[in-house]
Amino acid sequence: MTLRAILAGTGSALPRTRVSNAELAERVDTSDEWIVERTGIRFRHIAEPDETTATLGADAAKQALAAAGLEPADIGLIIVATATPDNTFPASATKVQALIGAPDCIAFDVAAVCSGFLYALSVADSMLRTGAAKHALVIGSETFSRILDWEDRTTCVLFGDGAGAVVLSAEDVADDRGILATRLHAEGQYSGMLYVDGGPSTTGTVGHVRMQGREVFRHAVTNLASVLGEVMADVGLSAADIDWVVPHQANKRIIDATAKKLGLPPERIVLTVDRHANTSAASVPLALDLAVRDGRIKRGDLIVLEAMGGGFTWGAAVLRV
């Protein structure tokens, strides 16, 4: 028997307001054709004032708990991956804890931008396997609309808001269920290519997203293909063994180029960027929940998760559902 972190349930939450490319073009110098051709994005959800990273994260967490058949009192660990916390402090994870009614447990945030969910998943996996908790909530939640420059059409058209969550449970298993391997990387020398131009310790302001799109694209394809190869090699797998890849939903062209580089057929890629845009740390768990709920991802499937974000940070995980 081997103690592993098992995927027990998934959940997601999207803001009430959905914005199409055509609606966005009414306020920004852009068009539906321009956005779709370059990104594959058609819609995104934008949070209303009463919808925050914590409230969206809590809604996703409640869904994941229901899917896992667990109560808030069962949770011993809550990790929220976000680049857009409700406050500088306290951690949004503690707000989620209060909103779902979970009692005293470990709760903290992870900041690795679009890779945040992979970082949080790896941390939770390690903590569950060392006995820190029996059940964990791992949440990616973002309100990126709060940090967009709505005059910059090269960035504001790319992002949306939302949250996704998973429940992980520590179980002794005799087969290969659960998280089998994770790989994480960071290269801070590239931080100037994708960043927010503000912060408490520098400008004292929140700031806006800034990006060198062409360079980010180039690094993303290279780094994601590399980390997927690494994590599959760690468990002795090839692309042919994978049932589903759930990638970070940043740009359809990045997803297609990465899949082609690894020889992964498009029909095994979960794609949601067209309806959600780039929801940063929320994009992987949002896509995962969608594919679980529509029946594509089934018990016994081998899946790979991957993401890259500002920092640069990037990572991947292999798990059997």
C-alpha atoms as a PDB file:
ATOM      1  CA  MET A   1       0.000   0.000   0.000  1.00  0.00           C
ATOM      2  CA  THR A   2       1.152   3.538  -0.812  1.00  0.00           C
ATOM      3  CA  LEU A   3      -0.095   6.740   0.787  1.00  0.00           C
ATOM      4  CA  ARG A   4      -1.125   9.178  -1.946  1.00  0.00           C
ATOM      5  CA  ALA A   5      -3.219  12.307  -2.412  1.00  0.00           C
ATOM      6  CA  ILE A   6      -6.377  11.172  -4.216  1.00  0.00           C
ATOM      7  CA  LEU A   7      -8.638  13.455  -6.250  1.00  0.00           C
ATOM      8  CA  ALA A   8     -11.902  13.196  -4.298  1.00  0.00           C
ATOM      9  CA  GLY A   9     -13.970  16.005  -5.839  1.00  0.00           C
ATOM     10  CA  THR A  10     -13.902  19.061  -8.110  1.00  0.00           C
ATOM     11  CA  GLY A  11     -15.832  22.308  -8.277  1.00  0.00           C
ATOM     12  CA  SER A  12     -15.873  25.668 -10.015  1.00  0.00           C
ATOM     13  CA  ALA A  13     -17.485  29.095  -9.930  1.00  0.00           C
ATOM     14  CA  LEU A  14     -17.829  31.875 -12.480  1.00  0.00           C
ATOM     15  CA  PRO A  15     -18.996  35.473 -12.015  1.00  0.00           C
ATOM     16  CA  ARG A  16     -22.559  36.259 -13.061  1.00  0.00           C
ATOM     17  CA  THR A  17     -21.544  38.594 -15.880  1.00  0.00           C
ATOM     18  CA  ARG A  18     -20.295  37.093 -19.142  1.00  0.00           C
ATOM     19  CA  VAL A  19     -18.716  39.432 -21.688  1.00  0.00           C
ATOM     20  CA  SER A  20     -18.372  38.566 -25.375  1.00  0.00           C
ATOM     21  CA  ASN A  21     -15.663  39.862 -27.678  1.00  0.00           C
ATOM     22  CA  ALA A  22     -18.271  42.002 -29.437  1.00  0.00           C
ATOM     23  CA  GLU A  23     -19.287  43.608 -26.140  1.00  0.00           C
ATOM     24  CA  LEU A  24     -15.636  44.214 -25.261  1.00  0.00           C
ATOM     25  CA  ALA A  25     -15.089  45.848 -28.661  1.00  0.00           C
ATOM     26  CA  GLU A  26     -17.616  48.517 -27.661  1.00  0.00           C
ATOM     27  CA  ARG A  27     -15.162  49.866 -25.077  1.00  0.00           C
ATOM     28  CA  VAL A  28     -11.765  48.776 -26.455  1.00  0.00           C
ATOM     29  CA  ASP A  29     -10.186  49.228 -29.908  1.00  0.00           C
ATOM     30  CA  THR A  30     -10.474  45.574 -30.902  1.00  0.00           C
ATOM     31  CA  SER A  31     -12.781  43.125 -32.684  1.00  0.00           C
ATOM     32  CA  ASP A  32     -14.085  39.602 -32.304  1.00  0.00           C
ATOM     33  CA  GLU A  33     -12.051  38.505 -35.330  1.00  0.00           C
ATOM     34  CA  TRP A  34      -8.822  39.997 -33.966  1.00  0.00           C
ATOM     35  CA  ILE A  35      -9.211  38.317 -30.575  1.00  0.00           C
ATOM     36  CA  VAL A  36     -10.291  34.899 -31.880  1.00  0.00           C
ATOM     37  CA  GLU A  37      -7.523  34.729 -34.484  1.00  0.00           C
ATOM     38  CA  ARG A  38      -4.778  35.508 -31.981  1.00  0.00           C
ATOM     39  CA  THR A  39      -6.061  33.779 -28.858  1.00  0.00           C
ATOM     40  CA  GLY A  40      -9.097  31.571 -29.468  1.00  0.00           C
ATOM     41  CA  ILE A  41     -11.010  33.537 -26.812  1.00  0.00           C
ATOM     42  CA  ARG A  42     -14.697  34.325 -27.426  1.00  0.00           C
ATOM     43  CA  PHE A  43     -16.037  35.058 -23.920  1.00  0.00           C
ATOM     44  CA  ARG A  44     -14.837  35.837 -20.412  1.00  0.00           C
ATOM     45  CA  HIS A  45     -16.577  36.379 -17.072  1.00  0.00           C
ATOM     46  CA  ILE A  46     -16.059  39.648 -15.186  1.00  0.00           C
ATOM     47  CA  ALA A  47     -16.662  39.875 -11.439  1.00  0.00           C
ATOM     48  CA  GLU A  48     -19.244  42.291 -10.083  1.00  0.00           C
ATOM     49  CA  PRO A  49     -18.333  44.402  -7.002  1.00  0.00           C
ATOM     50  CA  ASP A  50     -19.838  41.827  -4.613  1.00  0.00           C
ATOM     51  CA  GLU A  51     -17.856  38.978  -6.226  1.00  0.00           C
ATOM     52  CA  THR A  52     -14.287  38.599  -4.991  1.00  0.00           C
ATOM     53  CA  THR A  53     -11.493  36.073  -5.134  1.00  0.00           C
ATOM     54  CA  ALA A  54     -12.599  34.701  -1.758  1.00  0.00           C
ATOM     55  CA  THR A  55     -16.325  34.489  -2.557  1.00  0.00           C
ATOM     56  CA  LEU A  56     -15.685  32.780  -5.892  1.00  0.00           C
ATOM     57  CA  GLY A  57     -13.181  30.448  -4.239  1.00  0.00           C
ATOM     58  CA  ALA A  58     -15.687  29.580  -1.521  1.00  0.00           C
ATOM     59  CA  ASP A  59     -18.397  28.782  -4.090  1.00  0.00           C
ATOM     60  CA  ALA A  60     -16.014  26.496  -5.982  1.00  0.00           C
ATOM     61  CA  ALA A  61     -14.935  24.876  -2.706  1.00  0.00           C
ATOM     62  CA  LYS A  62     -18.536  24.101  -1.735  1.00  0.00           C
ATOM     63  CA  GLN A  63     -19.062  22.339  -5.064  1.00  0.00           C
ATOM     64  CA  ALA A  64     -15.873  20.317  -4.626  1.00  0.00           C
ATOM     65  CA  LEU A  65     -16.855  19.315  -1.089  1.00  0.00           C
ATOM     66  CA  ALA A  66     -20.281  18.166  -2.283  1.00  0.00           C
ATOM     67  CA  ALA A  67     -18.678  16.130  -5.063  1.00  0.00           C
ATOM     68  CA  ALA A  68     -16.324  14.526  -2.535  1.00  0.00           C
ATOM     69  CA  GLY A  69     -19.143  13.792  -0.080  1.00  0.00           C
ATOM     70  CA  LEU A  70     -17.360  15.730   2.665  1.00  0.00           C
ATOM     71  CA  GLU A  71     -18.280  18.482   5.114  1.00  0.00           C
ATOM     72  CA  PRO A  72     -16.255  21.655   5.821  1.00  0.00           C
ATOM     73  CA  ALA A  73     -15.362  20.190   9.209  1.00  0.00           C
ATOM     74  CA  ASP A  74     -13.510  17.361   7.443  1.00  0.00           C
ATOM     75  CA  ILE A  75     -10.995  19.747   5.854  1.00  0.00           C
ATOM     76  CA  GLY A  76      -7.620  20.117   7.545  1.00  0.00           C
ATOM     77  CA  LEU A  77      -5.854  22.205   4.912  1.00  0.00           C
ATOM     78  CA  ILE A  78      -6.956  25.028   2.596  1.00  0.00           C
ATOM     79  CA  ILE A  79      -4.593  26.482  -0.003  1.00  0.00           C
ATOM     80  CA  VAL A  80      -5.711  29.266  -2.317  1.00  0.00           C
ATOM     81  CA  ALA A  81      -3.576  29.973  -5.366  1.00  0.00           C
ATOM     82  CA  THR A  82      -4.112  33.565  -6.477  1.00  0.00           C
ATOM     83  CA  ALA A  83      -2.397  36.659  -7.806  1.00  0.00           C
ATOM     84  CA  THR A  84      -5.440  38.780  -6.935  1.00  0.00           C
ATOM     85  CA  PRO A  85      -6.158  38.283  -3.212  1.00  0.00           C
ATOM     86  CA  ASP A  86      -8.990  40.165  -1.560  1.00  0.00           C
ATOM     87  CA  ASN A  87      -6.463  41.947   0.660  1.00  0.00           C
ATOM     88  CA  THR A  88      -2.704  42.129   1.040  1.00  0.00           C
ATOM     89  CA  PHE A  89      -3.478  40.214   4.233  1.00  0.00           C
ATOM     90  CA  PRO A  90      -5.098  38.202   5.678  1.00  0.00           C
ATOM     91  CA  ALA A  91      -4.746  35.338   3.228  1.00  0.00           C
ATOM     92  CA  SER A  92      -7.781  34.741   1.034  1.00  0.00           C
ATOM     93  CA  ALA A  93      -7.631  31.124   2.217  1.00  0.00           C
ATOM     94  CA  THR A  94      -8.702  32.246   5.684  1.00  0.00           C
ATOM     95  CA  LYS A  95     -11.626  34.143   4.164  1.00  0.00           C
ATOM     96  CA  VAL A  96     -12.645  31.019   2.246  1.00  0.00           C
ATOM     97  CA  GLN A  97     -12.374  29.063   5.487  1.00  0.00           C
ATOM     98  CA  ALA A  98     -14.818  31.433   7.169  1.00  0.00           C
ATOM     99  CA  LEU A  99     -17.206  31.539   4.186  1.00  0.00           C
ATOM    100  CA  ILE A 100     -17.552  27.755   3.955  1.00  0.00           C
ATOM    101  CA  GLY A 101     -17.745  27.339   7.738  1.00  0.00           C
ATOM    102  CA  ALA A 102     -14.627  25.211   8.185  1.00  0.00           C
ATOM    103  CA  PRO A 103     -13.256  25.079  11.726  1.00  0.00           C
ATOM    104  CA  ASP A 104      -9.623  25.642  12.768  1.00  0.00           C
ATOM    105  CA  CYS A 105      -7.314  24.239  10.095  1.00  0.00           C
ATOM    106  CA  ILE A 106      -4.199  25.158   8.111  1.00  0.00           C
ATOM    107  CA  ALA A 107      -5.016  27.943   5.621  1.00  0.00           C
ATOM    108  CA  PHE A 108      -2.708  30.017   3.429  1.00  0.00           C
ATOM    109  CA  ASP A 109      -2.261  31.468  -0.059  1.00  0.00           C
ATOM    110  CA  VAL A 110       0.257  30.599  -2.770  1.00  0.00           C
ATOM    111  CA  ALA A 111       1.395  33.241  -5.266  1.00  0.00           C
ATOM    112  CA  ALA A 112       2.806  31.845  -8.505  1.00  0.00           C
ATOM    113  CA  VAL A 113       0.393  33.590 -10.915  1.00  0.00           C
ATOM    114  CA  CYS A 114      -0.881  31.245 -13.643  1.00  0.00           C
ATOM    115  CA  SER A 115       1.197  28.361 -12.254  1.00  0.00           C
ATOM    116  CA  GLY A 116      -0.238  28.902  -8.790  1.00  0.00           C
ATOM    117  CA  PHE A 117      -2.644  25.971  -8.852  1.00  0.00           C
ATOM    118  CA  LEU A 118       0.156  23.560  -9.819  1.00  0.00           C
ATOM    119  CA  TYR A 119       2.335  24.960  -7.027  1.00  0.00           C
ATOM    120  CA  ALA A 120      -0.529  24.681  -4.537  1.00  0.00           C
ATOM    121  CA  LEU A 121      -1.338  21.138  -5.677  1.00  0.00           C
ATOM    122  CA  SER A 122       2.267  20.075  -5.157  1.00  0.00           C
ATOM    123  CA  VAL A 123       2.386  21.639  -1.678  1.00  0.00           C
ATOM    124  CA  ALA A 124      -0.894  19.976  -0.672  1.00  0.00           C
ATOM    125  CA  ASP A 125       0.300  16.623  -2.030  1.00  0.00           C
ATOM    126  CA  SER A 126       3.444  16.831   0.092  1.00  0.00           C
ATOM    127  CA  MET A 127       1.569  17.916   3.218  1.00  0.00           C
ATOM    128  CA  LEU A 128      -1.047  15.180   2.915  1.00  0.00           C
ATOM    129  CA  ARG A 129       1.601  12.508   2.461  1.00  0.00           C
ATOM    130  CA  THR A 130       3.438  13.683   5.588  1.00  0.00           C
ATOM    131  CA  GLY A 131       0.285  13.584   7.693  1.00  0.00           C
ATOM    132  CA  ALA A 132      -0.423  17.314   8.066  1.00  0.00           C
ATOM    133  CA  ALA A 133      -4.071  16.702   7.131  1.00  0.00           C
ATOM    134  CA  LYS A 134      -6.397  13.981   5.907  1.00  0.00           C
ATOM    135  CA  HIS A 135      -8.396  16.136   3.469  1.00  0.00           C
ATOM    136  CA  ALA A 136      -7.338  19.324   1.670  1.00  0.00           C
ATOM    137  CA  LEU A 137      -9.037  21.978  -0.428  1.00  0.00           C
ATOM    138  CA  VAL A 138      -6.816  23.304  -3.209  1.00  0.00           C
ATOM    139  CA  ILE A 139      -8.326  26.337  -4.915  1.00  0.00           C
ATOM    140  CA  GLY A 140      -7.307  28.541  -7.806  1.00  0.00           C
ATOM    141  CA  SER A 141      -9.285  31.780  -7.712  1.00  0.00           C
ATOM    142  CA  GLU A 142      -8.757  35.064  -9.539  1.00  0.00           C
ATOM    143  CA  THR A 143     -10.372  38.423 -10.213  1.00  0.00           C
ATOM    144  CA  PHE A 144      -7.889  39.557 -12.847  1.00  0.00           C
ATOM    145  CA  SER A 145     -10.332  42.159 -14.128  1.00  0.00           C
ATOM    146  CA  ARG A 146      -9.341  44.242 -11.086  1.00  0.00           C
ATOM    147  CA  ILE A 147      -5.737  44.600 -12.324  1.00  0.00           C
ATOM    148  CA  LEU A 148      -6.283  45.052 -16.060  1.00  0.00           C
ATOM    149  CA  ASP A 149      -5.522  48.243 -17.930  1.00  0.00           C
ATOM    150  CA  TRP A 150      -8.724  48.576 -19.968  1.00  0.00           C
ATOM    151  CA  GLU A 151      -6.949  50.931 -22.376  1.00  0.00           C
ATOM    152  CA  ASP A 152      -4.393  48.255 -23.313  1.00  0.00           C
ATOM    153  CA  ARG A 153      -6.037  45.966 -25.840  1.00  0.00           C
ATOM    154  CA  THR A 154      -3.013  43.632 -25.906  1.00  0.00           C
ATOM    155  CA  THR A 155      -3.726  42.502 -22.337  1.00  0.00           C
ATOM    156  CA  CYS A 156      -7.288  43.367 -21.328  1.00  0.00           C
ATOM    157  CA  VAL A 157      -8.833  41.070 -23.944  1.00  0.00           C
ATOM    158  CA  LEU A 158      -6.921  38.048 -22.635  1.00  0.00           C
ATOM    159  CA  PHE A 159      -8.128  37.628 -19.080  1.00  0.00           C
ATOM    160  CA  GLY A 160     -11.242  36.698 -17.147  1.00  0.00           C
ATOM    161  CA  ASP A 161     -12.345  35.945 -13.604  1.00  0.00           C
ATOM    162  CA  GLY A 162     -13.310  32.656 -11.971  1.00  0.00           C
ATOM    163  CA  ALA A 163     -12.409  29.923  -9.520  1.00  0.00           C
ATOM    164  CA  GLY A 164     -11.812  26.197  -9.527  1.00  0.00           C
ATOM    165  CA  ALA A 165     -11.273  23.830  -6.616  1.00  0.00           C
ATOM    166  CA  VAL A 166     -10.343  20.245  -5.868  1.00  0.00           C
ATOM    167  CA  VAL A 167     -10.575  18.150  -2.735  1.00  0.00           C
ATOM    168  CA  LEU A 168      -7.561  15.918  -2.169  1.00  0.00           C
ATOM    169  CA  SER A 169      -7.726  13.057   0.337  1.00  0.00           C
ATOM    170  CA  ALA A 170      -4.817  11.085   1.759  1.00  0.00           C
ATOM    171  CA  GLU A 171      -5.454   7.393   1.167  1.00  0.00           C
ATOM    172  CA  ASP A 172      -3.456   4.181   1.253  1.00  0.00           C
ATOM    173  CA  VAL A 173      -3.845   2.673  -2.206  1.00  0.00           C
ATOM    174  CA  ALA A 174      -2.680  -0.577  -3.753  1.00  0.00           C
ATOM    175  CA  ASP A 175      -2.895   0.742  -7.337  1.00  0.00           C
ATOM    176  CA  ASP A 176      -1.616   3.882  -9.062  1.00  0.00           C
ATOM    177  CA  ARG A 177      -4.513   6.187  -8.192  1.00  0.00           C
ATOM    178  CA  GLY A 178      -3.775   9.705  -7.044  1.00  0.00           C
ATOM    179  CA  ILE A 179      -1.027  12.224  -7.716  1.00  0.00           C
ATOM    180  CA  LEU A 180       1.907  10.311  -9.182  1.00  0.00           C
ATOM    181  CA  ALA A 181       4.405  13.110  -9.797  1.00  0.00           C
ATOM    182  CA  THR A 182       4.762  16.889  -9.888  1.00  0.00           C
ATOM    183  CA  ARG A 183       7.455  19.140 -11.336  1.00  0.00           C
ATOM    184  CA  LEU A 184       7.871  22.863 -10.612  1.00  0.00           C
ATOM    185  CA  HIS A 185      10.239  25.488 -12.021  1.00  0.00           C
ATOM    186  CA  ALA A 186      10.951  29.217 -11.806  1.00  0.00           C
ATOM    187  CA  GLU A 187      13.251  31.666 -13.633  1.00  0.00           C
ATOM    188  CA  GLY A 188      13.077  35.082 -11.999  1.00  0.00           C
ATOM    189  CA  GLN A 189      15.338  36.669 -14.581  1.00  0.00           C
ATOM    190  CA  TYR A 190      12.321  36.857 -16.914  1.00  0.00           C
ATOM    191  CA  SER A 191      10.023  38.647 -14.465  1.00  0.00           C
ATOM    192  CA  GLY A 192       9.994  41.788 -16.598  1.00  0.00           C
ATOM    193  CA  MET A 193       8.180  40.003 -19.413  1.00  0.00           C
ATOM    194  CA  LEU A 194       4.942  39.436 -17.477  1.00  0.00           C
ATOM    195  CA  TYR A 195       4.237  41.419 -14.328  1.00  0.00           C
ATOM    196  CA  VAL A 196       2.020  43.906 -12.509  1.00  0.00           C
ATOM    197  CA  ASP A 197       3.547  47.386 -12.335  1.00  0.00           C
ATOM    198  CA  GLY A 198       2.810  48.049  -8.692  1.00  0.00           C
ATOM    199  CA  GLY A 199       2.777  46.602  -5.206  1.00  0.00           C
ATOM    200  CA  PRO A 200       2.768  47.446  -1.483  1.00  0.00           C
ATOM    201  CA  SER A 201       6.577  47.514  -1.170  1.00  0.00           C
ATOM    202  CA  THR A 202       7.335  49.433  -4.373  1.00  0.00           C
ATOM    203  CA  THR A 203       4.661  51.870  -5.504  1.00  0.00           C
ATOM    204  CA  GLY A 204       2.123  51.395  -2.727  1.00  0.00           C
ATOM    205  CA  THR A 205      -0.492  50.783  -5.414  1.00  0.00           C
ATOM    206  CA  VAL A 206      -2.022  47.693  -6.988  1.00  0.00           C
ATOM    207  CA  GLY A 207      -0.872  48.374 -10.553  1.00  0.00           C
ATOM    208  CA  HIS A 208      -1.838  46.749 -13.857  1.00  0.00           C
ATOM    209  CA  VAL A 209      -0.810  43.701 -15.882  1.00  0.00           C
ATOM    210  CA  ARG A 210       2.031  44.308 -18.349  1.00  0.00           C
ATOM    211  CA  MET A 211       3.224  41.707 -20.821  1.00  0.00           C
ATOM    212  CA  GLN A 212       5.640  41.172 -23.685  1.00  0.00           C
ATOM    213  CA  GLY A 213       3.318  38.826 -25.525  1.00  0.00           C
ATOM    214  CA  ARG A 214       5.688  37.472 -28.170  1.00  0.00           C
ATOM    215  CA  GLU A 215       8.385  36.568 -25.641  1.00  0.00           C
ATOM    216  CA  VAL A 216       5.874  35.009 -23.251  1.00  0.00           C
ATOM    217  CA  PHE A 217       4.515  32.873 -26.100  1.00  0.00           C
ATOM    218  CA  ARG A 218       7.983  31.634 -27.031  1.00  0.00           C
ATOM    219  CA  HIS A 219       8.967  30.731 -23.480  1.00  0.00           C
ATOM    220  CA  ALA A 220       5.586  29.150 -22.759  1.00  0.00           C
ATOM    221  CA  VAL A 221       5.742  26.655 -25.617  1.00  0.00           C
ATOM    222  CA  THR A 222       9.323  25.664 -24.786  1.00  0.00           C
ATOM    223  CA  ASN A 223       8.877  25.443 -21.013  1.00  0.00           C
ATOM    224  CA  LEU A 224       5.514  23.661 -21.056  1.00  0.00           C
ATOM    225  CA  ALA A 225       6.672  21.030 -23.536  1.00  0.00           C
ATOM    226  CA  SER A 226       9.796  20.494 -21.430  1.00  0.00           C
ATOM    227  CA  VAL A 227       8.028  20.139 -18.067  1.00  0.00           C
ATOM    228  CA  LEU A 228       5.405  17.807 -19.542  1.00  0.00           C
ATOM    229  CA  GLY A 229       8.205  15.616 -20.839  1.00  0.00           C
ATOM    230  CA  GLU A 230       9.893  15.679 -17.420  1.00  0.00           C
ATOM    231  CA  VAL A 231       6.834  14.748 -15.397  1.00  0.00           C
ATOM    232  CA  MET A 232       5.844  11.945 -17.767  1.00  0.00           C
ATOM    233  CA  ALA A 233       9.385  10.564 -17.677  1.00  0.00           C
ATOM    234  CA  ASP A 234       9.256  10.611 -13.854  1.00  0.00           C
ATOM    235  CA  VAL A 235       6.515   7.980 -13.943  1.00  0.00           C
ATOM    236  CA  GLY A 236       7.726   6.157 -17.042  1.00  0.00           C
ATOM    237  CA  LEU A 237       4.990   7.379 -19.376  1.00  0.00           C
ATOM    238  CA  SER A 238       4.794   8.651 -22.928  1.00  0.00           C
ATOM    239  CA  ALA A 239       2.208  10.846 -24.633  1.00  0.00           C
ATOM    240  CA  ALA A 240       0.438   7.691 -25.809  1.00  0.00           C
ATOM    241  CA  ASP A 241      -0.336   6.735 -22.192  1.00  0.00           C
ATOM    242  CA  ILE A 242      -2.143   9.970 -21.334  1.00  0.00           C
ATOM    243  CA  ASP A 243      -5.942  10.034 -21.492  1.00  0.00           C
ATOM    244  CA  TRP A 244      -6.334  13.792 -21.007  1.00  0.00           C
ATOM    245  CA  VAL A 245      -4.143  16.879 -20.802  1.00  0.00           C
ATOM    246  CA  VAL A 246      -5.662  19.780 -18.843  1.00  0.00           C
ATOM    247  CA  PRO A 247      -3.506  22.787 -19.741  1.00  0.00           C
ATOM    248  CA  HIS A 248      -3.403  26.337 -18.511  1.00  0.00           C
ATOM    249  CA  GLN A 249      -5.924  28.184 -20.661  1.00  0.00           C
ATOM    250  CA  ALA A 250      -3.877  31.205 -21.712  1.00  0.00           C
ATOM    251  CA  ASN A 251      -4.032  31.097 -25.479  1.00  0.00           C
ATOM    252  CA  LYS A 252      -5.225  28.445 -27.922  1.00  0.00           C
ATOM    253  CA  ARG A 253      -2.144  28.951 -30.079  1.00  0.00           C
ATOM    254  CA  ILE A 254       0.113  28.144 -27.104  1.00  0.00           C
ATOM    255  CA  ILE A 255      -1.953  25.063 -26.270  1.00  0.00           C
ATOM    256  CA  ASP A 256      -1.884  23.863 -29.894  1.00  0.00           C
ATOM    257  CA  ALA A 257       1.847  24.491 -30.294  1.00  0.00           C
ATOM    258  CA  THR A 258       2.683  22.673 -27.043  1.00  0.00           C
ATOM    259  CA  ALA A 259       0.527  19.684 -27.996  1.00  0.00           C
ATOM    260  CA  LYS A 260       2.129  19.496 -31.429  1.00  0.00           C
ATOM    261  CA  LYS A 261       5.623  19.649 -29.934  1.00  0.00           C
ATOM    262  CA  LEU A 262       4.808  16.602 -27.768  1.00  0.00           C
ATOM    263  CA  GLY A 263       2.795  14.731 -30.380  1.00  0.00           C
ATOM    264  CA  LEU A 264      -0.433  14.986 -28.372  1.00  0.00           C
ATOM    265  CA  PRO A 265      -3.635  14.734 -30.430  1.00  0.00           C
ATOM    266  CA  PRO A 266      -6.052  17.691 -30.088  1.00  0.00           C
ATOM    267  CA  GLU A 267      -8.926  15.412 -29.083  1.00  0.00           C
ATOM    268  CA  ARG A 268      -7.138  14.637 -25.799  1.00  0.00           C
ATOM    269  CA  ILE A 269      -6.736  18.289 -24.795  1.00  0.00           C
ATOM    270  CA  VAL A 270      -9.342  19.921 -22.544  1.00  0.00           C
ATOM    271  CA  LEU A 271      -9.967  23.371 -24.004  1.00  0.00           C
ATOM    272  CA  THR A 272     -11.946  26.097 -22.219  1.00  0.00           C
ATOM    273  CA  VAL A 273     -10.048  29.250 -23.201  1.00  0.00           C
ATOM    274  CA  ASP A 274     -12.790  30.084 -25.706  1.00  0.00           C
ATOM    275  CA  ARG A 275     -15.429  30.477 -22.974  1.00  0.00           C
ATOM    276  CA  HIS A 276     -13.367  31.554 -19.940  1.00  0.00           C
ATOM    277  CA  ALA A 277     -10.304  33.372 -21.375  1.00  0.00           C
ATOM    278  CA  ASN A 278      -7.179  33.269 -19.194  1.00  0.00           C
ATOM    279  CA  THR A 279      -8.258  32.990 -15.551  1.00  0.00           C
ATOM    280  CA  SER A 280      -4.666  32.616 -14.324  1.00  0.00           C
ATOM    281  CA  ALA A 281      -4.450  30.238 -11.325  1.00  0.00           C
ATOM    282  CA  ALA A 282      -8.124  29.318 -11.764  1.00  0.00           C
ATOM    283  CA  SER A 283      -7.820  28.088 -15.343  1.00  0.00           C
ATOM    284  CA  VAL A 284      -6.543  24.546 -14.731  1.00  0.00           C
ATOM    285  CA  PRO A 285      -9.057  23.623 -11.982  1.00  0.00           C
ATOM    286  CA  LEU A 286     -11.886  25.299 -13.937  1.00  0.00           C
ATOM    287  CA  ALA A 287     -11.086  23.198 -17.009  1.00  0.00           C
ATOM    288  CA  LEU A 288     -10.624  20.075 -14.879  1.00  0.00           C
ATOM    289  CA  ASP A 289     -14.022  20.489 -13.230  1.00  0.00           C
ATOM    290  CA  LEU A 290     -15.731  21.064 -16.570  1.00  0.00           C
ATOM    291  CA  ALA A 291     -14.243  17.886 -18.060  1.00  0.00           C
ATOM    292  CA  VAL A 292     -15.114  15.839 -14.959  1.00  0.00           C
ATOM    293  CA  ARG A 293     -18.710  17.076 -14.887  1.00  0.00           C
ATOM    294  CA  ASP A 294     -19.364  16.577 -18.599  1.00  0.00           C
ATOM    295  CA  GLY A 295     -18.090  13.009 -18.364  1.00  0.00           C
ATOM    296  CA  ARG A 296     -14.940  13.275 -20.443  1.00  0.00           C
ATOM    297  CA  ILE A 297     -12.634  12.592 -17.503  1.00  0.00           C
ATOM    298  CA  LYS A 298     -13.672   9.342 -15.813  1.00  0.00           C
ATOM    299  CA  ARG A 299     -12.487   7.257 -12.897  1.00  0.00           C
ATOM    300  CA  GLY A 300      -9.282   5.477 -13.872  1.00  0.00           C
ATOM    301  CA  ASP A 301      -8.179   8.052 -16.455  1.00  0.00           C
ATOM    302  CA  LEU A 302      -4.574   9.218 -16.455  1.00  0.00           C
ATOM    303  CA  ILE A 303      -4.397  13.001 -16.722  1.00  0.00           C
ATOM    304  CA  VAL A 304      -1.674  15.602 -16.925  1.00  0.00           C
ATOM    305  CA  LEU A 305      -2.027  19.191 -15.693  1.00  0.00           C
ATOM    306  CA  GLU A 306       0.321  21.995 -16.784  1.00  0.00           C
ATOM    307  CA  ALA A 307       0.695  25.760 -16.495  1.00  0.00           C
ATOM    308  CA  MET A 308       3.129  28.633 -16.894  1.00  0.00           C
ATOM    309  CA  GLY A 309       2.844  32.137 -15.500  1.00  0.00           C
ATOM    310  CA  GLY A 310       4.664  35.302 -14.552  1.00  0.00           C
ATOM    311  CA  GLY A 311       7.927  34.915 -12.757  1.00  0.00           C
ATOM    312  CA  PHE A 312       8.438  32.961 -14.947  1.00  0.00           C
ATOM    313  CA  THR A 313       6.995  29.997 -13.063  1.00  0.00           C
ATOM    314  CA  TRP A 314       5.819  26.752 -14.596  1.00  0.00           C
ATOM    315  CA  GLY A 315       4.897  23.236 -13.579  1.00  0.00           C
ATOM    316  CA  ALA A 316       3.071  19.999 -14.339  1.00  0.00           C
ATOM    317  CA  ALA A 317       1.463  17.110 -12.496  1.00  0.00           C
ATOM    318  CA  VAL A 318       0.443  13.573 -13.418  1.00  0.00           C
ATOM    319  CA  LEU A 319      -2.429  11.873 -11.609  1.00  0.00           C
ATOM    320  CA  ARG A 320      -4.784   8.997 -12.064  1.00  0.00           C
ATOM    321  CA  VAL A 321      -8.372   9.899 -11.235  1.00  0.00           C
END
